Structures are given as C-alpha cells and as structure tokens.
Amino acid sequence: MDIMEIANINKALSSPVRLQIIAMLAGGEQCACRILERFAITQPTLSHHMHVLCDCHLVRDRKQGRWHYYALDEECIRCLASFFQELVQREKREGQTPCDEC
C-alpha cells in the first residue's frame, strides 16, 4: 500500500458518517437499506459515502437483485493496520524521545 492510497483512506475516514459505517460493517456484511436506516441521510447521500469507501478499497460491494451489500475489505484493513503498526515499531527501534522544546 503506497502513501497516496493511505492518504485517500484517511481522507475517506475524515467523515464521521463514514467512520460510523465502517464500525457498523465491522459486524459483518450489511445491505444498503439497513445502513440507511441508521442514519438521517438520503439514499443518494449514502451512495456517495459508499462510493468514497469503495473507491479507496476499505469497503467492497456486491449487488444481489436490486440491493447492494457492503462489507469491509479485510485485506485493505490489514494493510492499513500494518502501515500504522510499522510506524509504532519504527519509533521503538529508533529510540525516539520527545522533543525537549515541546
């Protein structure tokens, strides 16, 4: 996962609604109609949020009949977690100390 992908994911997660959708999907795949029930937004607004989440690969979708079903893209979540874990490990390896001026 490159820096631009991580930046796009972080931009997608800057919306409280999208963060809540991600938390909701952590419980498993959800139909768009179920997601919509949880928010005071319109269907086009939900579609926009889901488009953003799918474009950065945090969420995958599938269509069954006229319904869309959404789930977390576990591979993307693992890559993102690995990126942040590597930052923590790098800090520990390099022995970073807080700045005396801060």
PDB file of N, CA and C in Angstrom:
ATOM      1  N   MET A   1       0.860  -1.167   0.000  1.00  0.00           N
ATOM      2  CA  MET A   1       0.000   0.000   0.000  1.00  0.00           C
ATOM      3  C   MET A   1       0.907   1.231   0.000  1.00  0.00           C
ATOM      4  N   ASP A   2       0.700   2.126  -0.952  1.00  0.00           N
ATOM      5  CA  ASP A   2       1.557   3.305  -1.022  1.00  0.00           C
ATOM      6  C   ASP A   2       0.955   4.483  -0.253  1.00  0.00           C
ATOM      7  N   ILE A   3       1.731   5.531  -0.133  1.00  0.00           N
ATOM      8  CA  ILE A   3       1.341   6.701   0.663  1.00  0.00           C
ATOM      9  C   ILE A   3       0.075   7.355   0.120  1.00  0.00           C
ATOM     10  N   MET A   4      -0.094   7.421  -1.191  1.00  0.00           N
ATOM     11  CA  MET A   4      -1.292   8.036  -1.764  1.00  0.00           C
ATOM     12  C   MET A   4      -2.547   7.235  -1.399  1.00  0.00           C
ATOM     13  N   GLU A   5      -2.444   5.918  -1.402  1.00  0.00           N
ATOM     14  CA  GLU A   5      -3.584   5.086  -1.003  1.00  0.00           C
ATOM     15  C   GLU A   5      -3.940   5.325   0.461  1.00  0.00           C
ATOM     16  N   ILE A   6      -2.929   5.420   1.291  1.00  0.00           N
ATOM     17  CA  ILE A   6      -3.171   5.674   2.714  1.00  0.00           C
ATOM     18  C   ILE A   6      -3.778   7.061   2.906  1.00  0.00           C
ATOM     19  N   ALA A   7      -3.302   8.034   2.149  1.00  0.00           N
ATOM     20  CA  ALA A   7      -3.868   9.389   2.226  1.00  0.00           C
ATOM     21  C   ALA A   7      -5.339   9.381   1.817  1.00  0.00           C
ATOM     22  N   ASN A   8      -5.675   8.661   0.745  1.00  0.00           N
ATOM     23  CA  ASN A   8      -7.074   8.578   0.305  1.00  0.00           C
ATOM     24  C   ASN A   8      -7.952   7.890   1.346  1.00  0.00           C
ATOM     25  N   ILE A   9      -7.423   6.865   1.989  1.00  0.00           N
ATOM     26  CA  ILE A   9      -8.177   6.181   3.038  1.00  0.00           C
ATOM     27  C   ILE A   9      -8.424   7.137   4.204  1.00  0.00           C
ATOM     28  N   ASN A  10      -7.397   7.857   4.605  1.00  0.00           N
ATOM     29  CA  ASN A  10      -7.559   8.795   5.713  1.00  0.00           C
ATOM     30  C   ASN A  10      -8.536   9.907   5.363  1.00  0.00           C
ATOM     31  N   LYS A  11      -8.519  10.341   4.118  1.00  0.00           N
ATOM     32  CA  LYS A  11      -9.488  11.352   3.677  1.00  0.00           C
ATOM     33  C   LYS A  11     -10.904  10.780   3.761  1.00  0.00           C
ATOM     34  N   ALA A  12     -11.071   9.533   3.326  1.00  0.00           N
ATOM     35  CA  ALA A  12     -12.386   8.886   3.395  1.00  0.00           C
ATOM     36  C   ALA A  12     -12.862   8.764   4.836  1.00  0.00           C
ATOM     37  N   LEU A  13     -11.943   8.510   5.742  1.00  0.00           N
ATOM     38  CA  LEU A  13     -12.300   8.316   7.150  1.00  0.00           C
ATOM     39  C   LEU A  13     -12.475   9.632   7.905  1.00  0.00           C
ATOM     40  N   SER A  14     -12.280  10.750   7.227  1.00  0.00           N
ATOM     41  CA  SER A  14     -12.433  12.045   7.894  1.00  0.00           C
ATOM     42  C   SER A  14     -13.900  12.407   8.125  1.00  0.00           C
ATOM     43  N   SER A  15     -14.812  11.659   7.535  1.00  0.00           N
ATOM     44  CA  SER A  15     -16.244  11.894   7.718  1.00  0.00           C
ATOM     45  C   SER A  15     -16.767  11.043   8.876  1.00  0.00           C
ATOM     46  N   PRO A  16     -17.413  11.669   9.863  1.00  0.00           N
ATOM     47  CA  PRO A  16     -17.993  10.887  10.960  1.00  0.00           C
ATOM     48  C   PRO A  16     -18.998   9.833  10.475  1.00  0.00           C
ATOM     49  N   VAL A  17     -19.757  10.158   9.448  1.00  0.00           N
ATOM     50  CA  VAL A  17     -20.725   9.184   8.913  1.00  0.00           C
ATOM     51  C   VAL A  17     -19.990   7.970   8.355  1.00  0.00           C
ATOM     52  N   ARG A  18     -18.932   8.206   7.599  1.00  0.00           N
ATOM     53  CA  ARG A  18     -18.189   7.081   7.028  1.00  0.00           C
ATOM     54  C   ARG A  18     -17.507   6.257   8.120  1.00  0.00           C
ATOM     55  N   LEU A  19     -17.018   6.913   9.159  1.00  0.00           N
ATOM     56  CA  LEU A  19     -16.439   6.165  10.282  1.00  0.00           C
ATOM     57  C   LEU A  19     -17.503   5.289  10.947  1.00  0.00           C
ATOM     58  N   GLN A  20     -18.706   5.816  11.106  1.00  0.00           N
ATOM     59  CA  GLN A  20     -19.785   5.026  11.692  1.00  0.00           C
ATOM     60  C   GLN A  20     -20.165   3.862  10.788  1.00  0.00           C
ATOM     61  N   ILE A  21     -20.151   4.078   9.489  1.00  0.00           N
ATOM     62  CA  ILE A  21     -20.448   2.990   8.542  1.00  0.00           C
ATOM     63  C   ILE A  21     -19.392   1.899   8.670  1.00  0.00           C
ATOM     64  N   ILE A  22     -18.118   2.293   8.747  1.00  0.00           N
ATOM     65  CA  ILE A  22     -17.040   1.309   8.910  1.00  0.00           C
ATOM     66  C   ILE A  22     -17.251   0.510  10.195  1.00  0.00           C
ATOM     67  N   ALA A  23     -17.585   1.193  11.277  1.00  0.00           N
ATOM     68  CA  ALA A  23     -17.834   0.497  12.547  1.00  0.00           C
ATOM     69  C   ALA A  23     -19.002  -0.468  12.421  1.00  0.00           C
ATOM     70  N   MET A  24     -20.032  -0.053  11.714  1.00  0.00           N
ATOM     71  CA  MET A  24     -21.202  -0.902  11.503  1.00  0.00           C
ATOM     72  C   MET A  24     -20.826  -2.147  10.696  1.00  0.00           C
ATOM     73  N   LEU A  25     -20.006  -1.964   9.679  1.00  0.00           N
ATOM     74  CA  LEU A  25     -19.605  -3.081   8.822  1.00  0.00           C
ATOM     75  C   LEU A  25     -18.631  -4.033   9.521  1.00  0.00           C
ATOM     76  N   ALA A  26     -18.033  -3.575  10.621  1.00  0.00           N
ATOM     77  CA  ALA A  26     -17.152  -4.466  11.384  1.00  0.00           C
ATOM     78  C   ALA A  26     -17.943  -5.651  11.931  1.00  0.00           C
ATOM     79  N   GLY A  27     -19.262  -5.495  12.041  1.00  0.00           N
ATOM     80  CA  GLY A  27     -20.117  -6.584  12.497  1.00  0.00           C
ATOM     81  C   GLY A  27     -20.522  -7.547  11.390  1.00  0.00           C
ATOM     82  N   GLY A  28     -20.107  -7.263  10.151  1.00  0.00           N
ATOM     83  CA  GLY A  28     -20.417  -8.135   9.032  1.00  0.00           C
ATOM     84  C   GLY A  28     -21.098  -7.386   7.899  1.00  0.00           C
ATOM     85  N   GLU A  29     -21.303  -8.090   6.819  1.00  0.00           N
ATOM     86  CA  GLU A  29     -21.912  -7.519   5.625  1.00  0.00           C
ATOM     87  C   GLU A  29     -23.296  -6.940   5.931  1.00  0.00           C
ATOM     88  N   GLN A  30     -23.589  -5.808   5.317  1.00  0.00           N
ATOM     89  CA  GLN A  30     -24.872  -5.137   5.524  1.00  0.00           C
ATOM     90  C   GLN A  30     -25.470  -4.715   4.185  1.00  0.00           C
ATOM     91  N   CYS A  31     -26.763  -4.818   4.099  1.00  0.00           N
ATOM     92  CA  CYS A  31     -27.492  -4.313   2.940  1.00  0.00           C
ATOM     93  C   CYS A  31     -27.551  -2.784   3.047  1.00  0.00           C
ATOM     94  N   ALA A  32     -27.530  -2.112   1.919  1.00  0.00           N
ATOM     95  CA  ALA A  32     -27.606  -0.653   1.903  1.00  0.00           C
ATOM     96  C   ALA A  32     -28.841  -0.157   2.641  1.00  0.00           C
ATOM     97  N   CYS A  33     -29.941  -0.869   2.523  1.00  0.00           N
ATOM     98  CA  CYS A  33     -31.168  -0.428   3.203  1.00  0.00           C
ATOM     99  C   CYS A  33     -31.000  -0.443   4.715  1.00  0.00           C
ATOM    100  N   ARG A  34     -30.248  -1.403   5.261  1.00  0.00           N
ATOM    101  CA  ARG A  34     -30.001  -1.473   6.706  1.00  0.00           C
ATOM    102  C   ARG A  34     -29.078  -0.335   7.152  1.00  0.00           C
ATOM    103  N   ILE A  35     -28.093  -0.037   6.339  1.00  0.00           N
ATOM    104  CA  ILE A  35     -27.189   1.067   6.656  1.00  0.00           C
ATOM    105  C   ILE A  35     -27.974   2.375   6.660  1.00  0.00           C
ATOM    106  N   LEU A  36     -28.808   2.548   5.664  1.00  0.00           N
ATOM    107  CA  LEU A  36     -29.589   3.777   5.533  1.00  0.00           C
ATOM    108  C   LEU A  36     -30.506   3.994   6.733  1.00  0.00           C
ATOM    109  N   GLU A  37     -31.037   2.911   7.295  1.00  0.00           N
ATOM    110  CA  GLU A  37     -31.920   3.014   8.459  1.00  0.00           C
ATOM    111  C   GLU A  37     -31.230   3.644   9.665  1.00  0.00           C
ATOM    112  N   ARG A  38     -29.925   3.513   9.749  1.00  0.00           N
ATOM    113  CA  ARG A  38     -29.168   4.000  10.912  1.00  0.00           C
ATOM    114  C   ARG A  38     -28.825   5.480  10.853  1.00  0.00           C
ATOM    115  N   PHE A  39     -29.023   6.098   9.688  1.00  0.00           N
ATOM    116  CA  PHE A  39     -28.586   7.480   9.510  1.00  0.00           C
ATOM    117  C   PHE A  39     -29.723   8.358   9.019  1.00  0.00           C
ATOM    118  N   ALA A  40     -29.652   9.610   9.370  1.00  0.00           N
ATOM    119  CA  ALA A  40     -30.645  10.585   8.910  1.00  0.00           C
ATOM    120  C   ALA A  40     -30.126  11.239   7.631  1.00  0.00           C
ATOM    121  N   ILE A  41     -29.910  10.401   6.615  1.00  0.00           N
ATOM    122  CA  ILE A  41     -29.416  10.880   5.321  1.00  0.00           C
ATOM    123  C   ILE A  41     -30.269  10.276   4.215  1.00  0.00           C
ATOM    124  N   THR A  42     -30.163  10.849   3.042  1.00  0.00           N
ATOM    125  CA  THR A  42     -30.911  10.336   1.897  1.00  0.00           C
ATOM    126  C   THR A  42     -30.150   9.196   1.234  1.00  0.00           C
ATOM    127  N   GLN A  43     -30.837   8.455   0.388  1.00  0.00           N
ATOM    128  CA  GLN A  43     -30.198   7.359  -0.337  1.00  0.00           C
ATOM    129  C   GLN A  43     -29.069   7.867  -1.232  1.00  0.00           C
ATOM    130  N   PRO A  44     -29.245   8.984  -1.963  1.00  0.00           N
ATOM    131  CA  PRO A  44     -28.114   9.482  -2.763  1.00  0.00           C
ATOM    132  C   PRO A  44     -26.890   9.849  -1.912  1.00  0.00           C
ATOM    133  N   THR A  45     -27.128  10.381  -0.713  1.00  0.00           N
ATOM    134  CA  THR A  45     -26.013  10.716   0.174  1.00  0.00           C
ATOM    135  C   THR A  45     -25.307   9.450   0.637  1.00  0.00           C
ATOM    136  N   LEU A  46     -26.081   8.415   0.976  1.00  0.00           N
ATOM    137  CA  LEU A  46     -25.470   7.141   1.342  1.00  0.00           C
ATOM    138  C   LEU A  46     -24.667   6.590   0.173  1.00  0.00           C
ATOM    139  N   SER A  47     -25.208   6.663  -1.019  1.00  0.00           N
ATOM    140  CA  SER A  47     -24.484   6.181  -2.199  1.00  0.00           C
ATOM    141  C   SER A  47     -23.153   6.893  -2.361  1.00  0.00           C
ATOM    142  N   HIS A  48     -23.154   8.200  -2.116  1.00  0.00           N
ATOM    143  CA  HIS A  48     -21.899   8.956  -2.203  1.00  0.00           C
ATOM    144  C   HIS A  48     -20.892   8.441  -1.179  1.00  0.00           C
ATOM    145  N   HIS A  49     -21.328   8.291   0.072  1.00  0.00           N
ATOM    146  CA  HIS A  49     -20.426   7.801   1.115  1.00  0.00           C
ATOM    147  C   HIS A  49     -19.882   6.413   0.769  1.00  0.00           C
ATOM    148  N   MET A  50     -20.757   5.545   0.271  1.00  0.00           N
ATOM    149  CA  MET A  50     -20.318   4.193  -0.061  1.00  0.00           C
ATOM    150  C   MET A  50     -19.357   4.205  -1.249  1.00  0.00           C
ATOM    151  N   HIS A  51     -19.598   5.095  -2.192  1.00  0.00           N
ATOM    152  CA  HIS A  51     -18.698   5.232  -3.344  1.00  0.00           C
ATOM    153  C   HIS A  51     -17.298   5.626  -2.873  1.00  0.00           C
ATOM    154  N   VAL A  52     -17.227   6.575  -1.955  1.00  0.00           N
ATOM    155  CA  VAL A  52     -15.930   7.012  -1.416  1.00  0.00           C
ATOM    156  C   VAL A  52     -15.233   5.847  -0.716  1.00  0.00           C
ATOM    157  N   LEU A  53     -15.966   5.101   0.104  1.00  0.00           N
ATOM    158  CA  LEU A  53     -15.380   3.978   0.840  1.00  0.00           C
ATOM    159  C   LEU A  53     -14.946   2.841  -0.093  1.00  0.00           C
ATOM    160  N   CYS A  54     -15.703   2.619  -1.136  1.00  0.00           N
ATOM    161  CA  CYS A  54     -15.336   1.573  -2.104  1.00  0.00           C
ATOM    162  C   CYS A  54     -14.151   2.007  -2.965  1.00  0.00           C
ATOM    163  N   ASP A  55     -14.115   3.284  -3.344  1.00  0.00           N
ATOM    164  CA  ASP A  55     -13.014   3.781  -4.183  1.00  0.00           C
ATOM    165  C   ASP A  55     -11.653   3.649  -3.511  1.00  0.00           C
ATOM    166  N   CYS A  56     -11.620   3.802  -2.189  1.00  0.00           N
ATOM    167  CA  CYS A  56     -10.328   3.677  -1.501  1.00  0.00           C
ATOM    168  C   CYS A  56     -10.102   2.249  -1.011  1.00  0.00           C
ATOM    169  N   HIS A  57     -11.004   1.353  -1.376  1.00  0.00           N
ATOM    170  CA  HIS A  57     -10.889  -0.092  -1.131  1.00  0.00           C
ATOM    171  C   HIS A  57     -11.078  -0.507   0.321  1.00  0.00           C
ATOM    172  N   LEU A  58     -11.602   0.386   1.169  1.00  0.00           N
ATOM    173  CA  LEU A  58     -11.919  -0.019   2.537  1.00  0.00           C
ATOM    174  C   LEU A  58     -13.131  -0.936   2.570  1.00  0.00           C
ATOM    175  N   VAL A  59     -14.026  -0.737   1.604  1.00  0.00           N
ATOM    176  CA  VAL A  59     -15.287  -1.479   1.549  1.00  0.00           C
ATOM    177  C   VAL A  59     -15.427  -2.098   0.167  1.00  0.00           C
ATOM    178  N   ARG A  60     -15.980  -3.292   0.146  1.00  0.00           N
ATOM    179  CA  ARG A  60     -16.315  -3.924  -1.135  1.00  0.00           C
ATOM    180  C   ARG A  60     -17.831  -4.061  -1.200  1.00  0.00           C
ATOM    181  N   ASP A  61     -18.324  -4.101  -2.400  1.00  0.00           N
ATOM    182  CA  ASP A  61     -19.775  -4.239  -2.539  1.00  0.00           C
ATOM    183  C   ASP A  61     -20.106  -5.341  -3.520  1.00  0.00           C
ATOM    184  N   ARG A  62     -21.316  -5.830  -3.380  1.00  0.00           N
ATOM    185  CA  ARG A  62     -21.841  -6.804  -4.338  1.00  0.00           C
ATOM    186  C   ARG A  62     -23.312  -6.482  -4.509  1.00  0.00           C
ATOM    187  N   LYS A  63     -23.797  -6.758  -5.673  1.00  0.00           N
ATOM    188  CA  LYS A  63     -25.196  -6.496  -5.970  1.00  0.00           C
ATOM    189  C   LYS A  63     -25.916  -7.829  -6.078  1.00  0.00           C
ATOM    190  N   GLN A  64     -27.049  -7.899  -5.416  1.00  0.00           N
ATOM    191  CA  GLN A  64     -27.905  -9.082  -5.495  1.00  0.00           C
ATOM    192  C   GLN A  64     -29.309  -8.582  -5.772  1.00  0.00           C
ATOM    193  N   GLY A  65     -29.772  -8.840  -6.976  1.00  0.00           N
ATOM    194  CA  GLY A  65     -31.057  -8.287  -7.377  1.00  0.00           C
ATOM    195  C   GLY A  65     -30.951  -6.775  -7.440  1.00  0.00           C
ATOM    196  N   ARG A  66     -31.853  -6.099  -6.772  1.00  0.00           N
ATOM    197  CA  ARG A  66     -31.782  -4.637  -6.775  1.00  0.00           C
ATOM    198  C   ARG A  66     -31.067  -4.072  -5.554  1.00  0.00           C
ATOM    199  N   TRP A  67     -30.566  -4.935  -4.688  1.00  0.00           N
ATOM    200  CA  TRP A  67     -29.924  -4.488  -3.460  1.00  0.00           C
ATOM    201  C   TRP A  67     -28.408  -4.539  -3.553  1.00  0.00           C
ATOM    202  N   HIS A  68     -27.782  -3.583  -2.901  1.00  0.00           N
ATOM    203  CA  HIS A  68     -26.324  -3.581  -2.761  1.00  0.00           C
ATOM    204  C   HIS A  68     -25.985  -4.015  -1.343  1.00  0.00           C
ATOM    205  N   TYR A  69     -24.985  -4.875  -1.242  1.00  0.00           N
ATOM    206  CA  TYR A  69     -24.488  -5.341   0.038  1.00  0.00           C
ATOM    207  C   TYR A  69     -23.051  -4.896   0.187  1.00  0.00           C
ATOM    208  N   TYR A  70     -22.714  -4.430   1.377  1.00  0.00           N
ATOM    209  CA  TYR A  70     -21.383  -3.880   1.629  1.00  0.00           C
ATOM    210  C   TYR A  70     -20.710  -4.625   2.769  1.00  0.00           C
ATOM    211  N   ALA A  71     -19.391  -4.782   2.655  1.00  0.00           N
ATOM    212  CA  ALA A  71     -18.585  -5.426   3.691  1.00  0.00           C
ATOM    213  C   ALA A  71     -17.208  -4.778   3.692  1.00  0.00           C
ATOM    214  N   LEU A  72     -16.534  -4.874   4.826  1.00  0.00           N
ATOM    215  CA  LEU A  72     -15.170  -4.379   4.887  1.00  0.00           C
ATOM    216  C   LEU A  72     -14.281  -5.214   3.985  1.00  0.00           C
ATOM    217  N   ASP A  73     -13.330  -4.567   3.355  1.00  0.00           N
ATOM    218  CA  ASP A  73     -12.319  -5.278   2.583  1.00  0.00           C
ATOM    219  C   ASP A  73     -11.198  -5.617   3.565  1.00  0.00           C
ATOM    220  N   GLU A  74     -11.198  -6.849   4.022  1.00  0.00           N
ATOM    221  CA  GLU A  74     -10.281  -7.257   5.082  1.00  0.00           C
ATOM    222  C   GLU A  74      -8.822  -7.091   4.690  1.00  0.00           C
ATOM    223  N   GLU A  75      -8.486  -7.326   3.443  1.00  0.00           N
ATOM    224  CA  GLU A  75      -7.095  -7.165   3.000  1.00  0.00           C
ATOM    225  C   GLU A  75      -6.649  -5.717   3.152  1.00  0.00           C
ATOM    226  N   CYS A  76      -7.495  -4.792   2.762  1.00  0.00           N
ATOM    227  CA  CYS A  76      -7.171  -3.373   2.882  1.00  0.00           C
ATOM    228  C   CYS A  76      -7.014  -2.984   4.352  1.00  0.00           C
ATOM    229  N   ILE A  77      -7.907  -3.462   5.185  1.00  0.00           N
ATOM    230  CA  ILE A  77      -7.851  -3.154   6.618  1.00  0.00           C
ATOM    231  C   ILE A  77      -6.547  -3.689   7.206  1.00  0.00           C
ATOM    232  N   ARG A  78      -6.163  -4.902   6.826  1.00  0.00           N
ATOM    233  CA  ARG A  78      -4.905  -5.481   7.321  1.00  0.00           C
ATOM    234  C   ARG A  78      -3.700  -4.672   6.860  1.00  0.00           C
ATOM    235  N   CYS A  79      -3.698  -4.238   5.606  1.00  0.00           N
ATOM    236  CA  CYS A  79      -2.582  -3.432   5.090  1.00  0.00           C
ATOM    237  C   CYS A  79      -2.486  -2.102   5.824  1.00  0.00           C
ATOM    238  N   LEU A  80      -3.620  -1.476   6.058  1.00  0.00           N
ATOM    239  CA  LEU A  80      -3.640  -0.209   6.774  1.00  0.00           C
ATOM    240  C   LEU A  80      -3.141  -0.393   8.205  1.00  0.00           C
ATOM    241  N   ALA A  81      -3.599  -1.439   8.859  1.00  0.00           N
ATOM    242  CA  ALA A  81      -3.148  -1.732  10.225  1.00  0.00           C
ATOM    243  C   ALA A  81      -1.644  -1.992  10.244  1.00  0.00           C
ATOM    244  N   SER A  82      -1.141  -2.705   9.243  1.00  0.00           N
ATOM    245  CA  SER A  82       0.300  -2.984   9.160  1.00  0.00           C
ATOM    246  C   SER A  82       1.104  -1.704   8.997  1.00  0.00           C
ATOM    247  N   PHE A  83       0.591  -0.779   8.197  1.00  0.00           N
ATOM    248  CA  PHE A  83       1.269   0.502   7.992  1.00  0.00           C
ATOM    249  C   PHE A  83       1.426   1.219   9.331  1.00  0.00           C
ATOM    250  N   PHE A  84       0.339   1.334  10.099  1.00  0.00           N
ATOM    251  CA  PHE A  84       0.405   2.037  11.370  1.00  0.00           C
ATOM    252  C   PHE A  84       1.232   1.266  12.401  1.00  0.00           C
ATOM    253  N   GLN A  85       1.141  -0.040  12.374  1.00  0.00           N
ATOM    254  CA  GLN A  85       1.958  -0.851  13.284  1.00  0.00           C
ATOM    255  C   GLN A  85       3.434  -0.658  12.978  1.00  0.00           C
ATOM    256  N   GLU A  86       3.784  -0.583  11.720  1.00  0.00           N
ATOM    257  CA  GLU A  86       5.184  -0.344  11.330  1.00  0.00           C
ATOM    258  C   GLU A  86       5.663   1.009  11.847  1.00  0.00           C
ATOM    259  N   LEU A  87       4.814   2.017  11.828  1.00  0.00           N
ATOM    260  CA  LEU A  87       5.200   3.322  12.376  1.00  0.00           C
ATOM    261  C   LEU A  87       5.538   3.214  13.859  1.00  0.00           C
ATOM    262  N   VAL A  88       4.716   2.478  14.593  1.00  0.00           N
ATOM    263  CA  VAL A  88       4.948   2.307  16.026  1.00  0.00           C
ATOM    264  C   VAL A  88       6.246   1.535  16.257  1.00  0.00           C
ATOM    265  N   GLN A  89       6.451   0.470  15.505  1.00  0.00           N
ATOM    266  CA  GLN A  89       7.659  -0.343  15.657  1.00  0.00           C
ATOM    267  C   GLN A  89       8.905   0.445  15.291  1.00  0.00           C
ATOM    268  N   ARG A  90       8.811   1.254  14.246  1.00  0.00           N
ATOM    269  CA  ARG A  90       9.957   2.062  13.818  1.00  0.00           C
ATOM    270  C   ARG A  90      10.356   3.026  14.927  1.00  0.00           C
ATOM    271  N   GLU A  91       9.370   3.645  15.561  1.00  0.00           N
ATOM    272  CA  GLU A  91       9.658   4.574  16.653  1.00  0.00           C
ATOM    273  C   GLU A  91      10.365   3.847  17.793  1.00  0.00           C
ATOM    274  N   LYS A  92       9.907   2.653  18.119  1.00  0.00           N
ATOM    275  CA  LYS A  92      10.536   1.887  19.199  1.00  0.00           C
ATOM    276  C   LYS A  92      11.965   1.486  18.828  1.00  0.00           C
ATOM    277  N   ARG A  93      12.182   1.068  17.558  1.00  0.00           N
ATOM    278  CA  ARG A  93      13.516   0.651  17.120  1.00  0.00           C
ATOM    279  C   ARG A  93      14.501   1.805  17.114  1.00  0.00           C
ATOM    280  N   GLU A  94      14.031   2.963  16.698  1.00  0.00           N
ATOM    281  CA  GLU A  94      14.921   4.109  16.552  1.00  0.00           C
ATOM    282  C   GLU A  94      15.097   4.877  17.851  1.00  0.00           C
ATOM    283  N   GLY A  95      14.386   4.483  18.889  1.00  0.00           N
ATOM    284  CA  GLY A  95      14.546   5.108  20.185  1.00  0.00           C
ATOM    285  C   GLY A  95      14.182   6.581  20.205  1.00  0.00           C
ATOM    286  N   GLN A  96      13.121   6.932  19.535  1.00  0.00           N
ATOM    287  CA  GLN A  96      12.665   8.315  19.509  1.00  0.00           C
ATOM    288  C   GLN A  96      12.334   8.776  20.919  1.00  0.00           C
ATOM    289  N   THR A  97      12.743   9.991  21.237  1.00  0.00           N
ATOM    290  CA  THR A  97      12.385  10.601  22.512  1.00  0.00           C
ATOM    291  C   THR A  97      11.644  11.883  22.242  1.00  0.00           C
ATOM    292  N   PRO A  98      10.810  12.310  23.186  1.00  0.00           N
ATOM    293  CA  PRO A  98      10.074  13.555  22.980  1.00  0.00           C
ATOM    294  C   PRO A  98      11.024  14.740  22.844  1.00  0.00           C
ATOM    295  N   CYS A  99      10.611  15.709  22.108  1.00  0.00           N
ATOM    296  CA  CYS A  99      11.398  16.925  21.900  1.00  0.00           C
ATOM    297  C   CYS A  99      11.446  17.718  23.206  1.00  0.00           C
ATOM    298  N   ASP A 100      12.619  18.175  23.595  1.00  0.00           N
ATOM    299  CA  ASP A 100      12.770  18.958  24.817  1.00  0.00           C
ATOM    300  C   ASP A 100      12.100  20.323  24.708  1.00  0.00           C
ATOM    301  N   GLU A 101      11.900  20.790  23.488  1.00  0.00           N
ATOM    302  CA  GLU A 101      11.316  22.109  23.291  1.00  0.00           C
ATOM    303  C   GLU A 101       9.795  22.091  23.331  1.00  0.00           C
ATOM    304  N   CYS A 102       9.184  20.917  23.301  1.00  0.00           N
ATOM    305  CA  CYS A 102       7.722  20.817  23.267  1.00  0.00           C
ATOM    306  C   CYS A 102       7.128  20.775  24.661  1.00  0.00           C
TER     307      CYS A 102
END
